C-alpha atoms as a PDB file:
ATOM      1  CA  MET A   1     -42.709  19.760 -28.814  1.00  0.00           C
ATOM      2  CA  ALA A   2     -44.789  16.910 -27.412  1.00  0.00           C
ATOM      3  CA  LYS A   3     -43.053  14.392 -29.685  1.00  0.00           C
ATOM      4  CA  ALA A   4     -39.598  15.411 -28.402  1.00  0.00           C
ATOM      5  CA  SER A   5     -40.588  14.962 -24.758  1.00  0.00           C
ATOM      6  CA  THR A   6     -42.261  11.626 -25.586  1.00  0.00           C
ATOM      7  CA  LYS A   7     -39.046  10.385 -27.251  1.00  0.00           C
ATOM      8  CA  LYS A   8     -37.038  11.395 -24.184  1.00  0.00           C
ATOM      9  CA  ALA A   9     -39.463   9.549 -21.903  1.00  0.00           C
ATOM     10  CA  VAL A  10     -39.237   6.404 -24.061  1.00  0.00           C
ATOM     11  CA  LYS A  11     -35.429   6.532 -24.048  1.00  0.00           C
ATOM     12  CA  LYS A  12     -35.396   7.049 -20.281  1.00  0.00           C
ATOM     13  CA  LYS A  13     -37.712   4.058 -19.786  1.00  0.00           C
ATOM     14  CA  ALA A  14     -35.518   1.914 -22.061  1.00  0.00           C
ATOM     15  CA  LYS A  15     -32.454   2.772 -19.977  1.00  0.00           C
ATOM     16  CA  LYS A  16     -34.271   1.756 -16.785  1.00  0.00           C
ATOM     17  CA  LYS A  17     -35.297  -1.556 -18.349  1.00  0.00           C
ATOM     18  CA  ALA A  18     -31.706  -2.369 -19.348  1.00  0.00           C
ATOM     19  CA  VAL A  19     -31.025  -5.919 -18.290  1.00  0.00           C
ATOM     20  CA  LYS A  20     -27.777  -6.896 -16.643  1.00  0.00           C
ATOM     21  CA  PRO A  21     -25.555  -9.026 -18.861  1.00  0.00           C
ATOM     22  CA  ALA A  22     -25.874 -12.770 -18.317  1.00  0.00           C
ATOM     23  CA  ALA A  23     -23.321 -14.187 -15.910  1.00  0.00           C
ATOM     24  CA  PRO A  24     -20.512 -16.096 -17.611  1.00  0.00           C
ATOM     25  CA  ARG A  25     -20.634 -19.853 -17.475  1.00  0.00           C
ATOM     26  CA  SER A  26     -18.642 -21.472 -14.690  1.00  0.00           C
ATOM     27  CA  SER A  27     -18.638 -24.795 -12.917  1.00  0.00           C
ATOM     28  CA  THR A  28     -16.830 -26.708 -10.228  1.00  0.00           C
ATOM     29  CA  ALA A  29     -16.972 -30.190  -8.718  1.00  0.00           C
ATOM     30  CA  GLN A  30     -15.888 -30.989  -5.167  1.00  0.00           C
ATOM     31  CA  CYS A  31     -15.389 -34.268  -3.341  1.00  0.00           C
ATOM     32  CA  ASP A  32     -16.427 -32.731  -0.010  1.00  0.00           C
ATOM     33  CA  GLU A  33     -19.999 -31.432  -0.029  1.00  0.00           C
ATOM     34  CA  HIS A  34     -19.138 -29.277   3.008  1.00  0.00           C
ATOM     35  CA  ALA A  35     -16.139 -27.623   1.369  1.00  0.00           C
ATOM     36  CA  PRO A  36     -16.139 -23.809   1.329  1.00  0.00           C
ATOM     37  CA  LEU A  37     -17.671 -22.191  -1.728  1.00  0.00           C
ATOM     38  CA  THR A  38     -15.279 -21.680  -4.619  1.00  0.00           C
ATOM     39  CA  ALA A  39     -14.948 -18.502  -6.673  1.00  0.00           C
ATOM     40  CA  GLU A  40     -16.953 -20.158  -9.457  1.00  0.00           C
ATOM     41  CA  GLN A  41     -19.861 -20.833  -7.090  1.00  0.00           C
ATOM     42  CA  LYS A  42     -20.210 -17.261  -5.820  1.00  0.00           C
ATOM     43  CA  PRO A  43     -22.072 -14.505  -7.641  1.00  0.00           C
ATOM     44  CA  LEU A  44     -19.964 -11.966  -9.483  1.00  0.00           C
ATOM     45  CA  PRO A  45     -19.598  -8.595  -7.756  1.00  0.00           C
ATOM     46  CA  ASP A  46     -21.809  -5.952  -9.378  1.00  0.00           C
ATOM     47  CA  ALA A  47     -18.769  -4.062 -10.678  1.00  0.00           C
ATOM     48  CA  MET A  48     -17.777  -7.126 -12.701  1.00  0.00           C
ATOM     49  CA  ALA A  49     -21.267  -8.191 -13.721  1.00  0.00           C
ATOM     50  CA  ASP A  50     -22.307  -4.794 -15.093  1.00  0.00           C
ATOM     51  CA  LYS A  51     -20.019  -5.072 -18.113  1.00  0.00           C
ATOM     52  CA  PRO A  52     -20.538  -8.035 -20.454  1.00  0.00           C
ATOM     53  CA  VAL A  53     -17.593 -10.401 -20.848  1.00  0.00           C
ATOM     54  CA  GLU A  54     -17.593  -9.723 -24.598  1.00  0.00           C
ATOM     55  CA  ALA A  55     -16.870  -6.046 -23.889  1.00  0.00           C
ATOM     56  CA  LYS A  56     -13.783  -6.848 -21.771  1.00  0.00           C
ATOM     57  CA  SER A  57     -10.299  -7.441 -23.061  1.00  0.00           C
ATOM     58  CA  PRO A  58      -8.715 -10.818 -22.244  1.00  0.00           C
ATOM     59  CA  ALA A  59      -6.398  -8.987 -19.811  1.00  0.00           C
ATOM     60  CA  GLU A  60      -9.225  -7.228 -17.955  1.00  0.00           C
ATOM     61  CA  TRP A  61     -11.285 -10.407 -17.694  1.00  0.00           C
ATOM     62  CA  ALA A  62      -8.298 -12.470 -16.479  1.00  0.00           C
ATOM     63  CA  TYR A  63      -7.384  -9.748 -13.957  1.00  0.00           C
ATOM     64  CA  GLN A  64     -10.906  -9.616 -12.534  1.00  0.00           C
ATOM     65  CA  ARG A  65     -11.192 -13.368 -12.128  1.00  0.00           C
ATOM     66  CA  LEU A  66      -7.735 -13.619 -10.552  1.00  0.00           C
ATOM     67  CA  ILE A  67      -8.899 -11.123  -7.936  1.00  0.00           C
ATOM     68  CA  LEU A  68     -11.896 -13.348  -7.163  1.00  0.00           C
ATOM     69  CA  TYR A  69      -9.695 -16.431  -6.833  1.00  0.00           C
ATOM     70  CA  ILE A  70      -7.203 -14.631  -4.592  1.00  0.00           C
ATOM     71  CA  GLN A  71      -9.946 -13.217  -2.367  1.00  0.00           C
ATOM     72  CA  ASN A  72     -11.661 -16.603  -2.065  1.00  0.00           C
ATOM     73  CA  PHE A  73      -8.332 -18.280  -1.223  1.00  0.00           C
ATOM     74  CA  GLU A  74      -7.586 -15.665   1.459  1.00  0.00           C
ATOM     75  CA  GLU A  75     -10.999 -16.183   3.079  1.00  0.00           C
ATOM     76  CA  GLN A  76      -9.847 -19.691   3.979  1.00  0.00           C
ATOM     77  CA  LEU A  77      -6.499 -18.676   5.532  1.00  0.00           C
ATOM     78  CA  ASP A  78      -5.780 -18.285   9.224  1.00  0.00           C
ATOM     79  CA  ASN A  79      -3.914 -15.293  10.688  1.00  0.00           C
ATOM     80  CA  GLU A  80      -0.593 -17.096  10.404  1.00  0.00           C
ATOM     81  CA  HIS A  81      -0.642 -17.224   6.591  1.00  0.00           C
ATOM     82  CA  GLU A  82      -0.945 -14.927   3.590  1.00  0.00           C
ATOM     83  CA  VAL A  83      -1.324 -15.598  -0.112  1.00  0.00           C
ATOM     84  CA  ALA A  84       1.528 -16.000  -2.560  1.00  0.00           C
ATOM     85  CA  ILE A  85       1.634 -17.098  -6.163  1.00  0.00           C
ATOM     86  CA  GLY A  86       3.731 -19.948  -7.483  1.00  0.00           C
ATOM     87  CA  PHE A  87       4.323 -19.773 -11.206  1.00  0.00           C
ATOM     88  CA  THR A  88       4.297 -22.898 -13.288  1.00  0.00           C
ATOM     89  CA  GLY A  89       6.439 -23.693 -16.301  1.00  0.00           C
ATOM     90  CA  GLY A  90       9.723 -22.341 -15.005  1.00  0.00           C
ATOM     91  CA  ASP A  91      12.034 -21.828 -12.068  1.00  0.00           C
ATOM     92  CA  VAL A  92      10.564 -18.462 -11.108  1.00  0.00           C
ATOM     93  CA  GLY A  93       9.728 -19.507  -7.561  1.00  0.00           C
ATOM     94  CA  VAL A  94       7.086 -17.900  -5.377  1.00  0.00           C
ATOM     95  CA  LEU A  95       5.951 -14.278  -5.302  1.00  0.00           C
ATOM     96  CA  ARG A  96       4.355 -12.839  -2.159  1.00  0.00           C
ATOM     97  CA  ILE A  97       1.523 -10.802  -3.723  1.00  0.00           C
ATOM     98  CA  GLU A  98       1.513  -7.056  -3.085  1.00  0.00           C
ATOM     99  CA  GLY A  99      -0.340  -6.023  -6.222  1.00  0.00           C
ATOM    100  CA  ILE A 100      -1.788  -7.149  -9.525  1.00  0.00           C
ATOM    101  CA  GLY A 101      -2.618  -5.217 -12.672  1.00  0.00           C
ATOM    102  CA  PHE A 102      -3.446  -5.522 -16.338  1.00  0.00           C
ATOM    103  CA  PHE A 103      -2.628  -3.685 -19.524  1.00  0.00           C
ATOM    104  CA  ASP A 104      -5.118  -4.066 -22.357  1.00  0.00           C
ATOM    105  CA  PRO A 105      -5.514  -6.029 -24.400  1.00  0.00           C
ATOM    106  CA  ASP A 106      -3.504  -9.009 -23.131  1.00  0.00           C
ATOM    107  CA  ILE A 107      -0.967  -8.406 -20.318  1.00  0.00           C
ATOM    108  CA  VAL A 108      -1.382  -9.238 -16.624  1.00  0.00           C
ATOM    109  CA  THR A 109       1.304  -8.271 -14.122  1.00  0.00           C
ATOM    110  CA  PHE A 110       2.012  -9.315 -10.540  1.00  0.00           C
ATOM    111  CA  TYR A 111       3.955  -7.181  -8.053  1.00  0.00           C
ATOM    112  CA  GLY A 112       5.528  -8.359  -4.819  1.00  0.00           C
ATOM    113  CA  GLN A 113       8.556  -9.971  -3.230  1.00  0.00           C
ATOM    114  CA  ASP A 114      10.258 -13.283  -3.849  1.00  0.00           C
ATOM    115  CA  GLN A 115      11.098 -15.750  -1.078  1.00  0.00           C
ATOM    116  CA  ASN A 116      14.325 -13.792  -0.345  1.00  0.00           C
ATOM    117  CA  GLY A 117      12.493 -10.476   0.051  1.00  0.00           C
ATOM    118  CA  ALA A 118      13.681  -9.065  -3.294  1.00  0.00           C
ATOM    119  CA  LYS A 119      11.281  -6.754  -5.106  1.00  0.00           C
ATOM    120  CA  THR A 120       9.713  -8.813  -7.894  1.00  0.00           C
ATOM    121  CA  GLN A 121       7.412  -8.177 -10.845  1.00  0.00           C
ATOM    122  CA  LEU A 122       6.123 -10.775 -13.265  1.00  0.00           C
ATOM    123  CA  ILE A 123       4.624  -9.618 -16.557  1.00  0.00           C
ATOM    124  CA  GLN A 124       2.661 -12.306 -18.345  1.00  0.00           C
ATOM    125  CA  HIS A 125       0.600 -12.627 -21.512  1.00  0.00           C
ATOM    126  CA  VAL A 126      -2.886 -13.948 -20.744  1.00  0.00           C
ATOM    127  CA  SER A 127      -2.358 -16.900 -23.076  1.00  0.00           C
ATOM    128  CA  GLN A 128       0.519 -18.032 -20.828  1.00  0.00           C
ATOM    129  CA  LEU A 129      -1.257 -17.407 -17.536  1.00  0.00           C
ATOM    130  CA  SER A 130      -0.890 -20.341 -15.206  1.00  0.00           C
ATOM    131  CA  VAL A 131      -0.554 -19.635 -11.488  1.00  0.00           C
ATOM    132  CA  MET A 132      -0.839 -21.576  -8.267  1.00  0.00           C
ATOM    133  CA  LEU A 133      -2.031 -19.816  -5.106  1.00  0.00           C
ATOM    134  CA  ARG A 134      -0.051 -20.798  -2.029  1.00  0.00           C
ATOM    135  CA  ALA A 135      -0.388 -20.084   1.670  1.00  0.00           C
ATOM    136  CA  LEU A 136       2.915 -18.884   3.118  1.00  0.00           C
ATOM    137  CA  PRO A 137       3.575 -18.080   6.764  1.00  0.00           C
ATOM    138  CA  HIS A 138       3.379 -14.312   7.066  1.00  0.00           C
ATOM    139  CA  GLU A 139       6.562 -12.563   8.046  1.00  0.00           C
ATOM    140  CA  GLY A 140       6.704 -10.811  11.374  1.00  0.00           C
ATOM    141  CA  SER A 141       4.327 -11.332  14.254  1.00  0.00           C
ATOM    142  CA  THR A 142       3.786  -7.602  14.829  1.00  0.00           C
ATOM    143  CA  ARG A 143       1.516  -7.042  11.859  1.00  0.00           C
ATOM    144  CA  ALA A 144      -1.632  -8.702  10.580  1.00  0.00           C
ATOM    145  CA  PRO A 145      -1.358 -10.876   7.455  1.00  0.00           C
ATOM    146  CA  ASN A 146      -1.525  -9.012   4.160  1.00  0.00           C
ATOM    147  CA  ARG A 147      -4.971  -9.556   2.566  1.00  0.00           C
ATOM    148  CA  ILE A 148      -4.433  -8.221  -0.946  1.00  0.00           C
ATOM    149  CA  GLY A 149      -7.546  -9.915  -2.367  1.00  0.00           C
ATOM    150  CA  PHE A 150      -9.891  -7.773  -0.312  1.00  0.00           C
ATOM    151  CA  ARG A 151      -8.121  -4.536  -1.307  1.00  0.00           C
ATOM    152  CA  LEU A 152      -8.178  -5.579  -4.960  1.00  0.00           C
ATOM    153  CA  ALA A 153     -11.893  -6.364  -4.740  1.00  0.00           C
ATOM    154  CA  GLU A 154     -12.514  -2.867  -3.326  1.00  0.00           C
ATOM    155  CA  ASP A 155     -10.664  -1.416  -6.336  1.00  0.00           C
ATOM    156  CA  LEU A 156     -12.989  -3.361  -8.642  1.00  0.00           C
ATOM    157  CA  LYS A 157     -15.974  -1.677  -7.030  1.00  0.00           C
ATOM    158  CA  LYS A 158     -14.458   1.764  -7.642  1.00  0.00           C
ATOM    159  CA  SER A 159     -13.651   1.214 -11.316  1.00  0.00           C
END
């Protein structure tokens, strides 16, 4: 009986000693030493750091980092602008971001409206992912700008 309880105590101690996975490598260089911090320079939120990169699908990892980039971009916007995504490599135009998702192992999708207000969804393989964040004037002066990055970051904490 004593051996069984000792084994449980050892296992419990081992769980407590579990070390967080190492942060993924990242780097950035800026011309202006007073420029705001970039997403690469900030620590990963605990919800992202708790799971090692090797355990994430390419879609999940791309999705999580896109959220960080969007949130960081929005932190630098005034109340007259909100974030949109311009897609490279085609004549897709600009999508005002209302949502973002992923489907393992390799699909990322963006939900929103195009510049004409039409409901838009872009589904993209992670190997083709190439987006440009843009600041667009927000529509309507009666509401605050849409800050999707902060809502997405809250969802990361919950998952």
